[in-house]
Each structure stands twice: as C-alpha cells, then as structure tokens.
C-alpha atoms as a PDB file:
ATOM      1  CA  MET A   1       0.152   0.205  -0.233  1.00  0.00           C
ATOM      2  CA  GLY A   2       3.012   2.381  -0.147  1.00  0.00           C
ATOM      3  CA  GLN A   3       4.186   5.096   2.505  1.00  0.00           C
ATOM      4  CA  SER A   4       1.927   7.487   3.695  1.00  0.00           C
ATOM      5  CA  GLU A   5       1.794   9.677   6.015  1.00  0.00           C
ATOM      6  CA  ASP A   6      -1.546  11.113   5.396  1.00  0.00           C
ATOM      7  CA  GLN A   7      -3.555   9.482   7.119  1.00  0.00           C
ATOM      8  CA  ARG A   8      -6.440  10.564   4.931  1.00  0.00           C
ATOM      9  CA  ALA A   9      -4.840   8.804   1.772  1.00  0.00           C
ATOM     10  CA  ILE A  10      -4.186   5.483   4.167  1.00  0.00           C
ATOM     11  CA  ARG A  11      -7.647   5.115   4.793  1.00  0.00           C
ATOM     12  CA  LEU A  12      -8.638   6.062   0.858  1.00  0.00           C
ATOM     13  CA  LEU A  13      -5.938   3.642   0.039  1.00  0.00           C
ATOM     14  CA  LYS A  14      -7.383   0.363   2.541  1.00  0.00           C
ATOM     15  CA  THR A  15     -11.155   1.259   0.968  1.00  0.00           C
ATOM     16  CA  TYR A  16      -9.290  -0.825  -2.305  1.00  0.00           C
ATOM     17  CA  SER A  17      -7.698  -3.448  -0.543  1.00  0.00           C
ATOM     18  CA  PRO A  18      -9.416  -7.088  -0.852  1.00  0.00           C
ATOM     19  CA  TYR A  19      -7.470  -8.157   2.393  1.00  0.00           C
ATOM     20  CA  ASP A  20      -8.243  -5.292   4.318  1.00  0.00           C
ATOM     21  CA  ASN A  21     -11.986  -5.441   3.620  1.00  0.00           C
ATOM     22  CA  ILE A  22     -12.532  -9.386   4.657  1.00  0.00           C
ATOM     23  CA  GLN A  23     -15.449  -9.036   7.030  1.00  0.00           C
ATOM     24  CA  PRO A  24     -17.277 -12.297   9.500  1.00  0.00           C
ATOM     25  CA  GLN A  25     -20.281 -12.791   6.823  1.00  0.00           C
ATOM     26  CA  ALA A  26     -21.654 -15.086   4.390  1.00  0.00           C
ATOM     27  CA  TYR A  27     -19.365 -15.192   0.926  1.00  0.00           C
ATOM     28  CA  PRO A  28     -20.709 -16.555  -1.842  1.00  0.00           C
ATOM     29  CA  ALA A  29     -18.235 -19.618  -3.239  1.00  0.00           C
ATOM     30  CA  THR A  30     -15.001 -18.449  -4.155  1.00  0.00           C
ATOM     31  CA  LEU A  31     -12.091 -19.416  -6.611  1.00  0.00           C
ATOM     32  CA  VAL A  32      -8.952 -17.371  -6.460  1.00  0.00           C
ATOM     33  CA  GLU A  33      -6.886 -17.464  -8.953  1.00  0.00           C
ATOM     34  CA  SER A  34      -3.083 -16.871  -9.006  1.00  0.00           C
ATOM     35  CA  SER A  35       0.958 -18.298 -10.278  1.00  0.00           C
ATOM     36  CA  LEU A  36       3.885 -18.314  -8.667  1.00  0.00           C
ATOM     37  CA  ASN A  37       5.666 -16.370 -11.202  1.00  0.00           C
ATOM     38  CA  ASP A  38       3.630 -13.425 -11.198  1.00  0.00           C
ATOM     39  CA  SER A  39       5.482 -10.451 -11.326  1.00  0.00           C
ATOM     40  CA  GLN A  40       2.361  -8.273 -10.336  1.00  0.00           C
ATOM     41  CA  VAL A  41       1.270  -9.898  -7.491  1.00  0.00           C
ATOM     42  CA  MET A  42       3.818 -12.004  -5.621  1.00  0.00           C
ATOM     43  CA  TYR A  43       2.591 -15.437  -4.933  1.00  0.00           C
ATOM     44  CA  TRP A  44       2.140 -14.790  -0.928  1.00  0.00           C
ATOM     45  CA  GLU A  45      -0.386 -12.343  -1.516  1.00  0.00           C
ATOM     46  CA  PRO A  46      -3.596 -14.597  -2.554  1.00  0.00           C
ATOM     47  CA  SER A  47      -2.447 -17.262  -0.095  1.00  0.00           C
ATOM     48  CA  LYS A  48      -2.534 -14.932   2.813  1.00  0.00           C
ATOM     49  CA  TYR A  49      -5.940 -13.719   1.467  1.00  0.00           C
ATOM     50  CA  VAL A  50      -7.616 -16.999   1.478  1.00  0.00           C
ATOM     51  CA  ALA A  51      -6.355 -18.249   4.791  1.00  0.00           C
ATOM     52  CA  LYS A  52      -7.842 -14.914   6.055  1.00  0.00           C
ATOM     53  CA  LEU A  53     -11.227 -15.046   4.665  1.00  0.00           C
ATOM     54  CA  ARG A  54     -11.346 -18.999   5.344  1.00  0.00           C
ATOM     55  CA  ALA A  55     -10.887 -17.792   8.881  1.00  0.00           C
ATOM     56  CA  THR A  56     -13.253 -14.777   8.886  1.00  0.00           C
ATOM     57  CA  LYS A  57     -16.280 -15.763   6.926  1.00  0.00           C
ATOM     58  CA  THR A  58     -19.311 -17.308   8.189  1.00  0.00           C
ATOM     59  CA  ASP A  59     -20.635 -20.171   5.714  1.00  0.00           C
ATOM     60  CA  THR A  60     -19.845 -23.019   4.123  1.00  0.00           C
ATOM     61  CA  ASN A  61     -19.275 -22.031   0.713  1.00  0.00           C
ATOM     62  CA  PRO A  62     -15.802 -23.564  -1.385  1.00  0.00           C
ATOM     63  CA  LEU A  63     -13.263 -21.261  -1.182  1.00  0.00           C
ATOM     64  CA  LEU A  64     -10.675 -22.334  -3.862  1.00  0.00           C
ATOM     65  CA  LEU A  65      -6.897 -21.565  -4.083  1.00  0.00           C
ATOM     66  CA  ARG A  66      -5.616 -22.479  -7.621  1.00  0.00           C
ATOM     67  CA  MET A  67      -2.363 -21.907  -7.892  1.00  0.00           C
ATOM     68  CA  ASP A  68      -0.050 -21.942 -10.999  1.00  0.00           C
ATOM     69  CA  LEU A  69       3.153 -23.070 -10.257  1.00  0.00           C
ATOM     70  CA  THR A  70       5.023 -23.033 -14.031  1.00  0.00           C
ATOM     71  CA  ARG A  71       3.311 -19.898 -16.053  1.00  0.00           C
ATOM     72  CA  LEU A  72       3.426 -16.253 -15.936  1.00  0.00           C
ATOM     73  CA  ALA A  73       0.115 -14.692 -15.652  1.00  0.00           C
ATOM     74  CA  THR A  74       0.406 -11.131 -15.535  1.00  0.00           C
ATOM     75  CA  ALA A  75      -2.319  -9.171 -18.467  1.00  0.00           C
ATOM     76  CA  ALA A  76       0.393  -8.807 -20.125  1.00  0.00           C
ATOM     77  CA  ARG A  77       1.009 -12.711 -20.448  1.00  0.00           C
ATOM     78  CA  ALA A  78      -2.550 -13.071 -20.795  1.00  0.00           C
ATOM     79  CA  ASP A  79      -2.797 -14.266 -24.579  1.00  0.00           C
ATOM     80  CA  ALA A  80      -5.675 -16.684 -25.954  1.00  0.00           C
ATOM     81  CA  THR A  81      -3.657 -19.483 -25.273  1.00  0.00           C
ATOM     82  CA  THR A  82      -3.144 -18.572 -21.452  1.00  0.00           C
ATOM     83  CA  SER A  83      -7.326 -18.268 -21.418  1.00  0.00           C
ATOM     84  CA  CYS A  84      -7.862 -21.606 -22.647  1.00  0.00           C
ATOM     85  CA  THR A  85      -5.662 -23.515 -20.649  1.00  0.00           C
ATOM     86  CA  THR A  86      -6.784 -22.368 -17.376  1.00  0.00           C
ATOM     87  CA  SER A  87     -10.533 -21.745 -18.731  1.00  0.00           C
ATOM     88  CA  PRO A  88     -11.920 -25.372 -17.757  1.00  0.00           C
ATOM     89  CA  SER A  89     -10.758 -25.295 -14.298  1.00  0.00           C
ATOM     90  CA  SER A  90     -12.827 -21.795 -14.151  1.00  0.00           C
ATOM     91  CA  THR A  91     -15.188 -23.033 -15.981  1.00  0.00           C
ATOM     92  CA  ARG A  92     -16.014 -26.619 -13.780  1.00  0.00           C
ATOM     93  CA  SER A  93     -16.112 -24.694 -10.658  1.00  0.00           C
ATOM     94  CA  CYS A  94     -18.848 -22.427 -11.820  1.00  0.00           C
ATOM     95  CA  TRP A  95     -21.174 -25.370 -13.471  1.00  0.00           C
ATOM     96  CA  THR A  96     -20.472 -27.489 -10.043  1.00  0.00           C
ATOM     97  CA  GLN A  97     -21.610 -23.650  -8.178  1.00  0.00           C
ATOM     98  CA  LEU A  98     -25.377 -24.175 -10.443  1.00  0.00           C
ATOM     99  CA  GLY A  99     -25.416 -27.962  -9.546  1.00  0.00           C
ATOM    100  CA  ILE A 100     -24.595 -28.494 -13.608  1.00  0.00           C
ATOM    101  CA  GLU A 101     -23.124 -32.327 -13.360  1.00  0.00           C
ATOM    102  CA  ARG A 102     -20.975 -33.329 -16.456  1.00  0.00           C
END
C-alpha cells in the first residue's frame, strides 16, 4: 500500500484493499487464481487473502485457491493460449456451483 504519512490517504487506500475489507459474513463460492511467477502479485498475497477469508467467513461455501506453479500470469501474458488452458478449471468450478453435472 506504499508509504504515506497522510492518514486520509491511508484510509482511502484501505478502501481499495480486498484483504483489509474482509469481514465476518457469508461469501459466495469463490475461486481465487494466481501464479507463482506473476510479476504483479506475489504468490503469498492471494494465499494470505484466502487464509484470512477462510478464518473469517461465516458460511460453508467453497473457497478454492488455484496457484499456477509454471506459467507467467500477468495481464501482458494473458493471451488466447493462457485463457484456454485456465478456462476448464474455472468453468468446472462454475458448473459445480450451478448444479450442472457433466
């Protein structure tokens, strides 16, 4: 979140932080996807987010973390090939939540 001495700026930045806005409440089924080699988001950030969400949420809906250990996953690398290779996992997760059996 950077360094800021301005308390107003710090409060504003926290409104954008998914991690800082986790509250004890019910959340929908969630699939969090990231990559070990992502240059924009370090691998521990989504892991930390999922751990806090699991400890805080009040429901029993699925909360899954999918971490790609092999490929770059930045927006710059998100091409058609990347979309096609990650899509089946995401699609299967959505179908399951909708009750669609294959």
